[in-house]
Protein backbone atom coordinates (compact mmCIF):
# COMPACT_ATOMS: atom_id res chain seq x y z
CA MET A 1 -16.07 -0.89 13.65
CA PHE A 2 -13.03 -2.83 15.33
CA TYR A 3 -13.84 -6.64 16.11
CA GLY A 4 -11.74 -8.90 18.27
CA ARG A 5 -8.24 -9.08 19.00
CA GLU A 6 -8.76 -8.53 22.79
CA LYS A 7 -5.89 -11.09 23.50
CA GLU A 8 -3.67 -8.74 21.24
CA LEU A 9 -4.89 -5.43 22.67
CA ASN A 10 -4.51 -6.81 26.36
CA GLU A 11 -0.87 -7.79 25.56
CA LEU A 12 0.08 -4.21 24.07
CA GLU A 13 -1.57 -2.51 27.01
CA ARG A 14 0.30 -4.79 29.32
CA LEU A 15 3.55 -3.61 27.51
CA TYR A 16 2.47 0.09 27.62
CA ARG A 17 1.75 0.02 31.17
CA GLU A 18 5.28 -1.23 31.97
CA ASN A 19 5.96 2.80 31.33
CA ARG A 20 9.58 2.31 29.65
CA PHE A 21 11.15 1.63 26.22
CA GLN A 22 9.52 -0.99 24.02
CA LEU A 23 10.37 -2.42 20.79
CA PHE A 24 7.60 -4.30 19.42
CA VAL A 25 7.77 -5.80 16.20
CA LEU A 26 4.06 -6.86 14.61
CA TYR A 27 4.27 -8.95 11.30
CA GLY A 28 1.78 -11.11 9.25
CA ARG A 29 0.18 -11.35 5.81
CA ARG A 30 -1.56 -8.30 4.16
CA ARG A 31 -5.32 -7.67 4.96
CA VAL A 32 -5.10 -9.31 8.19
CA GLY A 33 -5.53 -6.36 10.51
CA LYS A 34 -2.12 -5.09 11.64
CA THR A 35 -2.99 -1.66 10.99
CA ALA A 36 -6.45 -1.63 12.57
CA LEU A 37 -5.16 -3.04 15.61
CA LEU A 38 -2.44 -0.76 16.12
CA LYS A 39 -4.87 2.31 15.13
CA GLU A 40 -7.00 0.92 18.11
CA PHE A 41 -4.29 0.37 20.26
CA CYS A 42 -2.95 4.12 19.80
CA ARG A 43 -6.66 5.36 19.87
CA ASP A 44 -6.52 6.86 23.37
CA LYS A 45 -2.71 7.56 23.66
CA ALA A 46 -0.26 10.12 22.33
CA SER A 47 1.10 8.51 19.25
CA VAL A 48 2.64 9.30 15.72
CA PHE A 49 1.44 6.89 13.31
CA TYR A 50 3.57 6.73 9.77
CA SER A 51 2.76 4.56 7.19
CA ALA A 52 5.95 4.19 4.79
CA GLU A 53 5.47 4.65 1.26
CA ILE A 54 6.85 2.93 -1.89
CA SER A 55 9.07 5.70 -2.26
CA ASN A 56 12.85 6.65 -1.84
CA ASP A 57 14.09 7.70 1.52
CA LYS A 58 14.21 11.36 1.20
CA LEU A 59 10.59 11.84 0.27
CA ASN A 60 9.80 9.19 3.66
CA LEU A 61 11.80 11.49 5.83
CA GLU A 62 10.36 14.53 4.79
CA LYS A 63 6.69 12.92 5.12
CA PHE A 64 7.52 11.66 8.66
CA SER A 65 9.12 14.98 9.64
CA ALA A 66 5.96 16.74 8.42
CA GLN A 67 3.96 14.45 10.55
CA VAL A 68 6.09 14.52 13.59
CA LEU A 69 6.38 18.83 13.54
CA ARG A 70 2.28 18.60 13.11
CA HIS A 71 2.05 16.25 16.10
CA TYR A 72 4.15 18.73 18.37
CA GLY A 73 2.39 21.80 16.81
CA GLU A 74 5.86 23.14 15.21
CA THR A 75 5.22 25.57 12.38
CA SER A 76 8.61 27.34 12.28
CA LEU A 77 10.56 24.00 11.86
CA ARG A 78 11.31 22.92 8.18
CA GLY A 79 12.14 19.08 8.85
CA PHE A 80 14.78 16.99 9.59
CA SER A 81 18.21 16.43 7.77
CA ALA A 82 18.54 12.79 9.00
CA TRP A 83 16.16 10.12 10.59
CA GLU A 84 18.62 10.45 13.73
CA ASN A 85 17.49 14.06 14.09
CA ALA A 86 13.79 13.29 14.04
CA LEU A 87 14.25 10.53 16.68
CA ASP A 88 16.40 12.89 18.99
CA PHE A 89 13.95 15.57 18.56
CA ILE A 90 10.95 13.00 19.77
CA GLN A 91 12.99 11.75 22.35
CA ALA A 92 14.02 15.20 23.95
CA ARG A 93 10.36 16.36 23.33
CA GLN A 94 9.03 13.14 25.29
CA LYS A 95 11.29 13.36 28.25
CA ASP A 96 9.17 11.41 30.72
CA SER A 97 5.87 11.25 28.78
CA PRO A 98 5.43 7.93 26.95
CA LEU A 99 4.82 7.93 23.07
CA VAL A 100 3.28 5.29 20.91
CA LEU A 101 5.75 5.66 17.59
CA VAL A 102 4.51 3.24 14.72
CA PHE A 103 6.37 2.79 11.67
CA ASP A 104 3.88 0.80 9.64
CA GLU A 105 4.91 -0.88 6.39
CA PHE A 106 8.74 -0.65 7.61
CA PRO A 107 9.88 -2.97 5.02
CA TYR A 108 9.47 -0.12 2.45
CA LEU A 109 12.00 2.09 4.73
CA ALA A 110 14.60 -0.31 5.43
CA GLU A 111 14.61 -1.70 1.97
CA LYS A 112 15.50 1.96 0.48
CA ASN A 113 17.83 2.88 3.27
CA ARG A 114 19.98 -0.34 3.98
CA ALA A 115 21.54 1.69 6.89
CA PHE A 116 18.44 2.53 8.67
CA LEU A 117 18.09 -0.85 10.82
CA SER A 118 21.75 -0.03 11.82
CA MET A 119 20.87 3.53 12.75
CA LEU A 120 17.70 2.11 14.80
CA GLN A 121 20.17 -0.11 16.75
CA HIS A 122 22.55 2.74 17.58
CA MET A 123 19.43 5.09 18.57
CA ILE A 124 18.10 2.27 21.04
CA ASP A 125 21.46 1.28 22.47
CA HIS A 126 22.70 5.06 23.19
CA ARG A 127 19.19 7.08 23.32
CA LEU A 128 16.06 5.71 23.15
CA GLN A 129 16.37 2.80 25.51
CA SER A 130 16.40 5.28 28.49
CA GLY A 131 12.96 7.03 27.75
CA LYS A 132 9.47 5.77 27.43
CA ILE A 133 8.91 5.69 23.55
CA PHE A 134 6.74 2.70 22.62
CA LEU A 135 8.23 2.05 19.43
CA VAL A 136 6.44 -0.45 16.93
CA LEU A 137 7.98 -1.76 13.68
CA CYS A 138 4.94 -3.15 11.65
CA GLY A 139 5.34 -5.22 8.42
CA SER A 140 3.72 -7.72 5.84
CA TYR A 141 6.43 -9.08 4.33
CA VAL A 142 6.86 -11.96 6.60
CA GLY A 143 10.14 -13.38 5.25
CA PHE A 144 11.78 -9.89 5.79
CA MET A 145 10.28 -8.95 9.10
CA GLU A 146 11.64 -12.52 10.51
CA LYS A 147 15.14 -12.37 8.75
CA GLU A 148 16.10 -8.89 8.72
CA VAL A 149 14.33 -7.77 11.80
CA LEU A 150 13.91 -10.42 14.18
CA GLY A 151 17.01 -12.80 12.47
CA ALA A 152 20.20 -13.22 14.42
CA ARG A 153 21.95 -11.14 11.85
CA SER A 154 19.72 -8.40 12.14
CA PRO A 155 21.42 -5.16 13.65
CA LEU A 156 18.16 -5.34 15.76
CA PHE A 157 18.65 -8.70 17.38
CA GLY A 158 18.34 -8.89 20.94
CA ARG A 159 16.78 -5.20 20.94
CA ARG A 160 13.21 -6.42 20.55
CA THR A 161 10.92 -6.33 23.59
CA ALA A 162 8.37 -8.20 22.08
CA GLN A 163 7.12 -9.59 18.87
CA LEU A 164 3.69 -10.93 17.28
CA ARG A 165 2.80 -12.70 14.06
CA LEU A 166 -0.64 -11.61 13.61
CA LYS A 167 -2.61 -14.53 11.90
CA PRO A 168 -6.08 -14.21 10.66
CA PHE A 169 -8.98 -15.17 12.83
CA ASP A 170 -9.80 -18.55 13.77
CA TYR A 171 -13.43 -19.97 12.98
CA TRP A 172 -14.76 -18.86 16.28
CA GLU A 173 -13.23 -15.17 16.27
CA SER A 174 -14.58 -14.71 12.36
CA ARG A 175 -18.28 -15.47 13.44
CA ALA A 176 -18.60 -12.21 15.00
CA PHE A 177 -18.93 -10.93 11.25
CA LEU A 178 -21.51 -13.42 10.56
CA ALA A 179 -24.23 -12.62 12.81
CA GLY A 180 -27.38 -13.90 11.54
CA PHE A 181 -26.28 -16.72 9.51
CA SER A 182 -27.02 -20.27 10.47
CA PRO A 183 -23.70 -22.30 11.79
CA GLU A 184 -23.50 -24.12 8.54
CA GLU A 185 -23.48 -20.85 6.56
CA GLN A 186 -20.99 -19.53 9.11
CA CYS A 187 -18.84 -22.40 8.39
CA MET A 188 -19.24 -22.01 4.35
CA PHE A 189 -18.63 -18.18 4.53
CA TYR A 190 -15.30 -19.14 6.25
CA GLY A 191 -14.17 -21.51 3.78
CA ALA A 192 -14.02 -18.79 1.09
CA LEU A 193 -13.11 -15.79 3.12
CA GLY A 194 -10.86 -17.16 5.79
CA GLY A 195 -10.52 -15.43 8.98
CA VAL A 196 -9.25 -12.10 7.33
CA PRO A 197 -11.15 -9.11 8.70
CA LEU A 198 -11.21 -7.13 5.63
CA TYR A 199 -12.74 -10.12 3.77
CA LEU A 200 -15.17 -10.91 6.37
CA GLY A 201 -16.34 -7.31 6.77
CA LYS A 202 -17.84 -7.45 3.22
CA VAL A 203 -20.48 -10.23 4.10
CA ASP A 204 -24.21 -8.37 3.90
CA ALA A 205 -26.48 -10.26 6.63
CA LYS A 206 -29.22 -9.14 4.50
CA LYS A 207 -28.35 -11.32 1.50
CA THR A 208 -28.16 -14.92 0.95
CA PHE A 209 -24.81 -17.14 1.01
CA GLY A 210 -25.05 -17.21 -2.76
CA ASP A 211 -25.64 -13.75 -3.33
CA ASN A 212 -22.94 -12.44 -1.01
CA LEU A 213 -20.54 -14.69 -2.86
CA ALA A 214 -21.81 -13.04 -6.09
CA ASP A 215 -21.50 -9.91 -4.82
CA ILE A 216 -17.84 -10.42 -3.26
CA PHE A 217 -16.47 -12.52 -5.93
CA LEU A 218 -18.48 -13.62 -9.12
CA ARG A 219 -18.51 -10.05 -11.22
CA PRO A 220 -15.39 -8.62 -12.80
CA THR A 221 -16.24 -5.33 -10.50
CA SER A 222 -16.27 -7.28 -7.35
CA SER A 223 -14.23 -6.27 -4.59
CA LEU A 224 -12.38 -9.76 -4.41
CA TYR A 225 -12.48 -10.68 -8.01
CA GLU A 226 -8.88 -10.42 -8.29
CA GLU A 227 -7.42 -10.43 -4.97
CA PRO A 228 -5.17 -12.94 -4.91
CA ILE A 229 -3.38 -11.57 -8.03
CA PHE A 230 -3.33 -7.78 -6.28
CA LEU A 231 -1.70 -9.45 -3.09
CA LEU A 232 1.08 -11.39 -5.36
CA ARG A 233 1.67 -8.39 -7.12
CA GLU A 234 2.15 -6.28 -3.84
CA GLU A 235 4.32 -9.02 -2.32
CA LEU A 236 6.49 -10.44 -5.08
CA GLN A 237 8.72 -9.55 -7.99
CA GLN A 238 7.64 -12.36 -10.02
CA PRO A 239 3.94 -12.99 -9.45
CA GLY A 240 3.22 -14.67 -12.78
CA VAL A 241 5.70 -17.52 -11.56
CA TYR A 242 4.09 -17.69 -8.27
CA ASN A 243 0.66 -17.62 -9.67
CA ALA A 244 1.52 -20.71 -11.75
CA VAL A 245 2.88 -22.54 -8.87
CA ILE A 246 -0.19 -21.74 -6.73
CA GLU A 247 -2.52 -22.85 -9.91
CA ALA A 248 -0.87 -25.90 -9.64
CA VAL A 249 -0.78 -26.91 -6.01
CA ALA A 250 -4.54 -25.85 -6.25
CA GLY A 251 -4.96 -28.03 -9.28
CA GLY A 252 -3.80 -31.26 -7.36
CA ALA A 253 -0.24 -31.18 -7.68
CA SER A 254 1.22 -31.95 -4.40
CA LYS A 255 4.57 -33.13 -4.64
CA ALA A 256 7.63 -30.95 -5.86
CA ASN A 257 8.34 -32.64 -8.90
CA GLU A 258 4.47 -32.66 -9.69
CA ILE A 259 4.31 -28.96 -9.23
CA ALA A 260 7.60 -28.23 -11.27
CA GLY A 261 5.89 -30.65 -14.06
CA LYS A 262 3.00 -28.36 -14.25
CA THR A 263 4.61 -24.77 -14.14
CA GLY A 264 7.80 -25.89 -16.47
CA GLU A 265 10.15 -24.89 -13.82
CA THR A 266 12.76 -26.82 -12.12
CA ALA A 267 11.93 -28.85 -8.69
CA ALA A 268 14.84 -27.02 -6.88
CA LYS A 269 13.34 -23.41 -8.33
CA CYS A 270 9.81 -24.65 -7.44
CA LEU A 271 11.04 -25.35 -3.91
CA LYS A 272 12.18 -21.65 -3.35
CA TYR A 273 9.07 -20.04 -4.64
CA ILE A 274 6.83 -22.51 -2.12
CA GLN A 275 9.30 -21.25 0.49
CA VAL A 276 8.35 -17.78 -0.27
CA LEU A 277 4.65 -18.67 -0.46
CA SER A 278 4.90 -20.68 2.76
CA GLU A 279 6.15 -17.48 4.64
CA LEU A 280 3.19 -15.77 3.03
CA GLY A 281 0.94 -18.54 4.60
CA ILE A 282 -0.51 -19.12 1.20
CA ILE A 283 1.17 -22.70 0.84
CA ARG A 284 1.24 -25.22 3.48
CA LYS A 285 4.03 -27.87 3.56
CA GLU A 286 3.01 -31.19 5.23
CA THR A 287 4.30 -34.37 6.32
CA PRO A 288 2.60 -37.51 7.88
CA TYR A 289 2.26 -36.90 11.75
CA GLY A 290 5.13 -38.36 13.54
CA GLU A 291 7.73 -38.02 10.77
CA LYS A 292 10.31 -35.53 9.65
CA GLU A 293 9.97 -32.89 7.42
CA SER A 294 12.54 -34.25 5.28
CA SER A 295 10.00 -37.22 4.68
CA ARG A 296 9.57 -38.21 1.25
CA LYS A 297 5.81 -38.41 2.09
CA THR A 298 5.75 -34.43 2.03
CA VAL A 299 2.71 -32.56 0.16
CA TYR A 300 1.95 -29.27 -0.29
CA SER A 301 -1.43 -27.61 -0.16
CA VAL A 302 -2.92 -24.30 -0.46
CA ALA A 303 -3.27 -22.90 3.14
CA ASP A 304 -4.98 -19.53 2.88
CA LEU A 305 -8.84 -20.02 2.67
CA LEU A 306 -9.66 -17.25 0.20
CA PHE A 307 -6.75 -18.37 -2.18
CA ARG A 308 -8.15 -21.99 -2.03
CA PHE A 309 -11.52 -21.16 -2.77
CA TRP A 310 -10.16 -18.58 -5.63
CA TYR A 311 -8.06 -20.82 -7.34
CA ARG A 312 -10.74 -23.84 -7.37
CA TYR A 313 -13.57 -21.68 -8.54
CA ILE A 314 -12.83 -18.02 -9.65
CA ALA A 315 -9.47 -18.41 -11.57
CA PRO A 316 -10.42 -21.53 -13.99
CA HIS A 317 -13.91 -19.87 -14.75
CA ARG A 318 -12.97 -16.06 -15.49
CA THR A 319 -13.93 -16.31 -19.12
CA LEU A 320 -17.43 -17.39 -18.05
CA ILE A 321 -17.35 -14.41 -15.10
CA GLU A 322 -16.39 -11.90 -17.61
CA SER A 323 -19.00 -12.91 -20.03
CA ASP A 324 -21.43 -12.02 -17.59
CA ALA A 325 -22.25 -15.91 -16.86
CA TRP A 326 -21.59 -15.45 -13.06
CA GLN A 327 -25.12 -17.26 -12.19
CA ILE A 328 -23.94 -19.89 -14.19
CA VAL A 329 -20.64 -20.22 -12.38
CA TRP A 330 -22.57 -20.46 -9.25
CA GLU A 331 -25.42 -22.65 -9.92
CA LYS A 332 -23.50 -25.09 -12.12
CA ILE A 333 -20.14 -25.01 -10.88
CA ILE A 334 -19.74 -23.95 -7.40
CA ALA A 335 -22.96 -24.81 -5.69
CA PRO A 336 -23.02 -28.17 -6.69
CA ASP A 337 -19.41 -28.68 -5.55
CA TYR A 338 -19.30 -26.56 -2.55
CA SER A 339 -19.54 -29.83 0.06
CA ASN A 340 -16.50 -31.14 -1.47
CA HIS A 341 -14.59 -27.74 -0.96
CA MET A 342 -15.96 -27.97 2.61
CA GLY A 343 -14.51 -31.38 3.57
CA ALA A 344 -11.11 -29.98 4.13
CA VAL A 345 -12.15 -26.62 5.72
CA PHE A 346 -14.19 -28.56 8.19
CA GLU A 347 -11.06 -30.65 8.77
CA GLN A 348 -9.27 -27.19 9.65
CA ILE A 349 -12.37 -26.04 11.77
CA CYS A 350 -12.16 -29.29 13.63
CA GLN A 351 -8.63 -29.16 14.58
CA GLU A 352 -9.06 -25.54 15.69
CA TYR A 353 -11.58 -26.63 17.94
CA LEU A 354 -9.37 -29.59 19.26
CA LEU A 355 -6.91 -26.84 20.15
CA ARG A 356 -9.33 -24.71 21.80
CA GLN A 357 -10.56 -27.37 24.02
CA ASN A 358 -6.90 -28.35 24.60
CA SER A 359 -5.99 -25.11 25.97
CA ARG A 360 -9.21 -25.45 28.26
CA GLY A 361 -8.12 -28.47 29.59
CA ASN A 362 -11.39 -30.14 28.08
CA LEU A 363 -9.90 -33.03 26.39
CA PRO A 364 -9.07 -36.61 27.91
CA PHE A 365 -5.18 -35.27 28.04
CA LEU A 366 -3.48 -32.26 27.23
CA PHE A 367 -2.06 -32.94 23.94
CA THR A 368 1.42 -31.43 22.52
CA SER A 369 1.46 -31.89 19.00
CA VAL A 370 -1.47 -32.24 16.13
CA GLY A 371 -1.39 -32.65 12.75
CA ARG A 372 -2.84 -35.54 10.23
CA TRP A 373 -1.70 -38.86 8.91
CA TRP A 374 -1.36 -40.63 5.76
CA GLY A 375 0.44 -44.09 4.68
CA GLY A 376 0.09 -47.47 3.30
CA ASN A 377 -2.18 -50.15 5.12
CA PRO A 378 -0.39 -53.18 4.89
CA LYS A 379 -3.58 -55.43 4.79
CA THR A 380 -5.42 -53.66 2.18
CA LYS A 381 -2.55 -52.44 0.09
CA LYS A 382 -4.03 -49.32 -0.10
CA GLN A 383 -3.37 -45.65 0.97
CA THR A 384 -5.05 -44.69 4.28
CA GLU A 385 -5.39 -41.15 5.71
CA ILE A 386 -6.48 -40.16 9.47
CA ASP A 387 -7.95 -36.45 9.16
CA LEU A 388 -6.71 -35.59 12.96
CA VAL A 389 -4.15 -37.06 15.12
CA ALA A 390 -3.42 -35.32 18.61
CA SER A 391 -0.99 -36.90 20.94
CA ASP A 392 1.12 -36.09 24.20
CA GLY A 393 3.77 -38.90 23.12
CA THR A 394 1.87 -41.53 25.15
CA GLU A 395 -1.72 -40.92 24.79
CA TYR A 396 -3.33 -40.55 21.15
CA LEU A 397 -6.74 -38.90 20.12
CA LEU A 398 -7.57 -40.04 16.08
CA GLY A 399 -10.37 -38.11 14.47
CA GLU A 400 -12.47 -38.53 11.43
CA CYS A 401 -14.13 -35.14 10.25
CA LYS A 402 -17.12 -35.55 7.90
CA TRP A 403 -19.14 -32.74 6.55
CA ARG A 404 -22.16 -34.61 4.96
CA ASN A 405 -26.02 -33.90 4.52
CA GLU A 406 -26.29 -37.37 6.54
CA LYS A 407 -25.80 -38.65 9.76
CA ILE A 408 -22.40 -40.72 10.33
CA LYS A 409 -23.15 -44.21 10.22
CA GLY A 410 -21.16 -47.06 12.36
CA GLN A 411 -19.08 -48.11 9.41
CA VAL A 412 -17.11 -44.88 9.93
CA LEU A 413 -16.19 -45.70 13.48
CA THR A 414 -15.38 -49.12 12.30
CA GLU A 415 -13.13 -47.65 9.67
CA LEU A 416 -11.45 -45.31 12.21
CA ARG A 417 -10.77 -48.30 14.29
CA ALA A 418 -9.04 -50.10 11.65
CA LYS A 419 -7.07 -47.04 10.62
CA ALA A 420 -5.82 -46.60 14.12
CA GLU A 421 -4.52 -50.36 14.19
CA VAL A 422 -2.44 -49.40 11.33
CA PHE A 423 -1.22 -46.22 12.73
CA LEU A 424 -0.31 -47.26 16.52
CA PRO A 425 1.45 -50.30 17.93
CA ALA A 426 -0.82 -53.59 18.89
CA GLY A 427 -2.26 -53.16 22.24
CA LYS A 428 -2.29 -49.16 22.30
CA LYS A 429 -5.86 -48.04 22.88
CA PRO A 430 -6.57 -44.33 21.31
CA TRP A 431 -9.18 -41.93 21.87
CA LEU A 432 -11.56 -41.95 18.78
CA ALA A 433 -13.23 -38.91 17.98
CA LEU A 434 -15.76 -38.29 15.29
CA PHE A 435 -16.87 -34.96 13.80
CA SER A 436 -20.01 -34.55 12.07
CA LYS A 437 -22.06 -31.66 10.48
CA SER A 438 -25.23 -33.79 10.49
CA GLY A 439 -24.95 -35.76 13.75
CA PHE A 440 -24.60 -39.58 14.29
CA ALA A 441 -26.83 -42.57 13.76
CA ASP A 442 -28.34 -44.33 16.48
CA ALA A 443 -25.63 -47.09 16.42
CA VAL A 444 -22.73 -44.86 16.65
CA ARG A 445 -24.29 -43.21 19.73
CA ARG A 446 -24.83 -46.32 21.35
CA ALA A 447 -21.14 -47.51 20.58
CA ALA A 448 -19.90 -44.22 22.11
CA LYS A 449 -22.06 -44.70 25.33
CA ALA A 450 -20.58 -48.58 25.53
CA ASP A 451 -16.97 -47.20 25.25
CA ASP A 452 -15.72 -43.83 26.76
CA HIS A 453 -12.84 -43.72 24.38
CA VAL A 454 -15.07 -42.94 21.73
CA LEU A 455 -15.80 -39.26 21.45
CA LEU A 456 -18.75 -37.51 19.20
CA PHE A 457 -18.69 -33.89 18.10
CA THR A 458 -21.78 -32.35 16.31
CA LEU A 459 -21.55 -29.00 14.80
CA GLU A 460 -23.36 -27.67 17.64
CA ASP A 461 -20.52 -28.74 19.94
CA ILE A 462 -18.14 -27.28 17.78
CA MET A 463 -19.78 -24.05 17.66
CA GLY A 464 -19.68 -23.71 21.18
CA GLY A 465 -15.93 -24.50 21.38
CA SER A 466 -15.32 -20.72 22.40
CA ASP A 467 -17.66 -20.92 25.12
CA ARG A 468 -16.37 -23.73 26.98
């Protein structure tokens, strides 16, 4: 069953209707649904869909040749001696008819044949652009696709007609896989699986949240028991070192020197590993809102929600899991702590909600940047943090997000006002937004009624974010 991606499909269809040559570059992390999207797009069209293999160039060409000849019903030809010949054959056969030609896992081809990109550039410039082939280059290694295919030094630079980095579903899109569960449970699933369609598709609506997590993660035979390790092995040449870096960050090391100390690598080397993990969407680099990327306050965290869950609950307890103590891991370790894990997840959901509302013009002003802020409070001499900051350069919205089983009380609003005084110049009145899983005390509701710059959002409000 294919869910979501309406916007992406509509864009592909729009390009297809232009009825001319297209070079579409699609990339994004593994499991995010690139292949499923392309197969859905190709479903009702003439297409050749080739998934490159981790093999040599000769075998890939042989398999591609066989697929092309099969598509055209050719039984007398034996194959092509070069990629140029194969593409010339397709171009000649198509004439004025459109064809979607997909090279999935494209980096496998380009890495085994370093001349492939230059060959493709020559073919586009001299033959293909006069036809109606819809050529798609698809890859999972984000760094390669951005540098070698889309980058200024790539032979294909300037030839692409469109590109898309496919990202995981946001919270609202993920809900299509989670029908039948309560809003709170849907958030909790999102906190463990993120927005990756393949992972979300493993949820069984007939089972509880705990039973689902046990089946998906908490047995050595579970489908995602070793998923992060498999992904690292597929993408990286030194998975052990990258694993150590992620473990350090997940364990609380947020600065480059702290990560280096925990891994035993130099800070400079760690930063190179972090850069690759950032390209893969696993690690996030953050600076306080409004500060430069080179800020000394830069911190690193695990961005990918499945990785965050796995390194918090699975990696440290594999001995217990492999000794058949998965129920203890659930009851004694995960269940009592999961609200703490959900705190940062809820902040992400609230930011996604603000972005959706902003794109619909449903906020007091149209912000152009969003993030979070932390810094010293000169009055208390303590570190202070604001969960959400959004601004258009003039107006500011400051937000506090609480994943608690109790209603937000007046003290939270008072503290947010105090944080605003630290963050903003004197006399600047911001919009203050409170996001609560469990609602608000009467005092907070009265304060919001008396001050139109105070905005309150319940979980029910947030759940309706995609419909407004």
